[in-house]
Amino acid sequence: MIMAHINQNRWLWIGITAVASVLLAWLRSSFGEGYHYGDLMAFAMMVLGMLVILKSQEGFVPQELPEE
């Protein structure tokens, strides 16, 4: 159910994860490496990367393979 919502609102979730990534990067640089902000930042950036890849493939129609 949540994945259907993310797929239907992909630009929204790209924005949310981008903001979360920047916020967590700022928190990590402010508080240092001893906190888990770096781990959360890496996770948010991985999700952001996957969403951007999915958005870039939207509407892509592969070329037909030549008949043998």
C-alpha atoms as a PDB file:
ATOM      1  CA  MET A   1       0.000   0.000   0.000  1.00  0.00           C
ATOM      2  CA  ILE A   2       2.787   2.436   0.871  1.00  0.00           C
ATOM      3  CA  MET A   3       4.698   1.475  -2.283  1.00  0.00           C
ATOM      4  CA  ALA A   4       1.663   2.296  -4.429  1.00  0.00           C
ATOM      5  CA  HIS A   5       1.509   5.710  -2.789  1.00  0.00           C
ATOM      6  CA  ILE A   6       5.222   6.282  -3.412  1.00  0.00           C
ATOM      7  CA  ASN A   7       4.877   5.210  -7.056  1.00  0.00           C
ATOM      8  CA  GLN A   8       1.926   7.543  -7.632  1.00  0.00           C
ATOM      9  CA  ASN A   9       3.660  10.492  -5.930  1.00  0.00           C
ATOM     10  CA  ARG A  10       7.258   9.932  -6.945  1.00  0.00           C
ATOM     11  CA  TRP A  11       8.207  13.643  -7.259  1.00  0.00           C
ATOM     12  CA  LEU A  12       6.901  14.272  -3.745  1.00  0.00           C
ATOM     13  CA  TRP A  13       8.981  11.447  -2.306  1.00  0.00           C
ATOM     14  CA  ILE A  14      12.059  12.539  -4.255  1.00  0.00           C
ATOM     15  CA  GLY A  15      11.682  15.950  -2.621  1.00  0.00           C
ATOM     16  CA  ILE A  16      11.115  14.484   0.835  1.00  0.00           C
ATOM     17  CA  THR A  17      14.151  12.221   0.666  1.00  0.00           C
ATOM     18  CA  ALA A  18      16.320  15.013  -0.786  1.00  0.00           C
ATOM     19  CA  VAL A  19      15.382  17.320   2.098  1.00  0.00           C
ATOM     20  CA  ALA A  20      15.919  14.500   4.599  1.00  0.00           C
ATOM     21  CA  SER A  21      19.345  13.772   3.098  1.00  0.00           C
ATOM     22  CA  VAL A  22      20.447  17.393   3.360  1.00  0.00           C
ATOM     23  CA  LEU A  23      19.070  17.737   6.900  1.00  0.00           C
ATOM     24  CA  LEU A  24      20.785  14.547   8.050  1.00  0.00           C
ATOM     25  CA  ALA A  25      24.061  15.615   6.406  1.00  0.00           C
ATOM     26  CA  TRP A  26      23.858  18.904   8.299  1.00  0.00           C
ATOM     27  CA  LEU A  27      23.104  17.099  11.577  1.00  0.00           C
ATOM     28  CA  ARG A  28      26.015  14.737  11.011  1.00  0.00           C
ATOM     29  CA  SER A  29      28.415  17.608  10.393  1.00  0.00           C
ATOM     30  CA  SER A  30      27.079  19.489  13.439  1.00  0.00           C
ATOM     31  CA  PHE A  31      27.147  16.667  15.978  1.00  0.00           C
ATOM     32  CA  GLY A  32      30.084  14.641  14.710  1.00  0.00           C
ATOM     33  CA  GLU A  33      30.562  11.042  13.678  1.00  0.00           C
ATOM     34  CA  GLY A  34      29.591   9.439  16.981  1.00  0.00           C
ATOM     35  CA  TYR A  35      25.888   9.683  16.257  1.00  0.00           C
ATOM     36  CA  HIS A  36      23.772   7.640  13.839  1.00  0.00           C
ATOM     37  CA  TYR A  37      23.005  10.605  11.588  1.00  0.00           C
ATOM     38  CA  GLY A  38      25.541   9.358   9.051  1.00  0.00           C
ATOM     39  CA  ASP A  39      23.821   5.988   8.820  1.00  0.00           C
ATOM     40  CA  LEU A  40      20.425   7.617   8.384  1.00  0.00           C
ATOM     41  CA  MET A  41      21.879  10.033   5.828  1.00  0.00           C
ATOM     42  CA  ALA A  42      23.304   7.144   3.802  1.00  0.00           C
ATOM     43  CA  PHE A  43      19.963   5.343   3.901  1.00  0.00           C
ATOM     44  CA  ALA A  44      18.056   8.467   2.812  1.00  0.00           C
ATOM     45  CA  MET A  45      20.515   9.010  -0.047  1.00  0.00           C
ATOM     46  CA  MET A  46      20.175   5.386  -1.183  1.00  0.00           C
ATOM     47  CA  VAL A  47      16.379   5.704  -1.248  1.00  0.00           C
ATOM     48  CA  LEU A  48      16.720   9.015  -3.106  1.00  0.00           C
ATOM     49  CA  GLY A  49      18.978   7.371  -5.681  1.00  0.00           C
ATOM     50  CA  MET A  50      16.529   4.528  -6.254  1.00  0.00           C
ATOM     51  CA  LEU A  51      13.626   6.944  -6.675  1.00  0.00           C
ATOM     52  CA  VAL A  52      15.580   9.065  -9.163  1.00  0.00           C
ATOM     53  CA  ILE A  53      16.490   5.951 -11.164  1.00  0.00           C
ATOM     54  CA  LEU A  54      12.847   4.822 -11.201  1.00  0.00           C
ATOM     55  CA  LYS A  55      11.728   8.303 -12.289  1.00  0.00           C
ATOM     56  CA  SER A  56      14.308   8.387 -15.086  1.00  0.00           C
ATOM     57  CA  GLN A  57      13.000   5.070 -16.443  1.00  0.00           C
ATOM     58  CA  GLU A  58       9.377   6.198 -16.400  1.00  0.00           C
ATOM     59  CA  GLY A  59       7.856   6.083 -19.859  1.00  0.00           C
ATOM     60  CA  PHE A  60      10.900   4.351 -21.335  1.00  0.00           C
ATOM     61  CA  VAL A  61       9.981   2.028 -24.180  1.00  0.00           C
ATOM     62  CA  PRO A  62      12.752  -0.411 -25.106  1.00  0.00           C
ATOM     63  CA  GLN A  63      13.668  -0.873 -28.762  1.00  0.00           C
ATOM     64  CA  GLU A  64      12.244  -3.984 -30.366  1.00  0.00           C
ATOM     65  CA  LEU A  65      14.750  -6.704 -30.917  1.00  0.00           C
ATOM     66  CA  PRO A  66      15.412  -7.563 -34.560  1.00  0.00           C
ATOM     67  CA  GLU A  67      13.787 -10.762 -35.723  1.00  0.00           C
ATOM     68  CA  GLU A  68      16.162 -13.583 -36.501  1.00  0.00           C
END
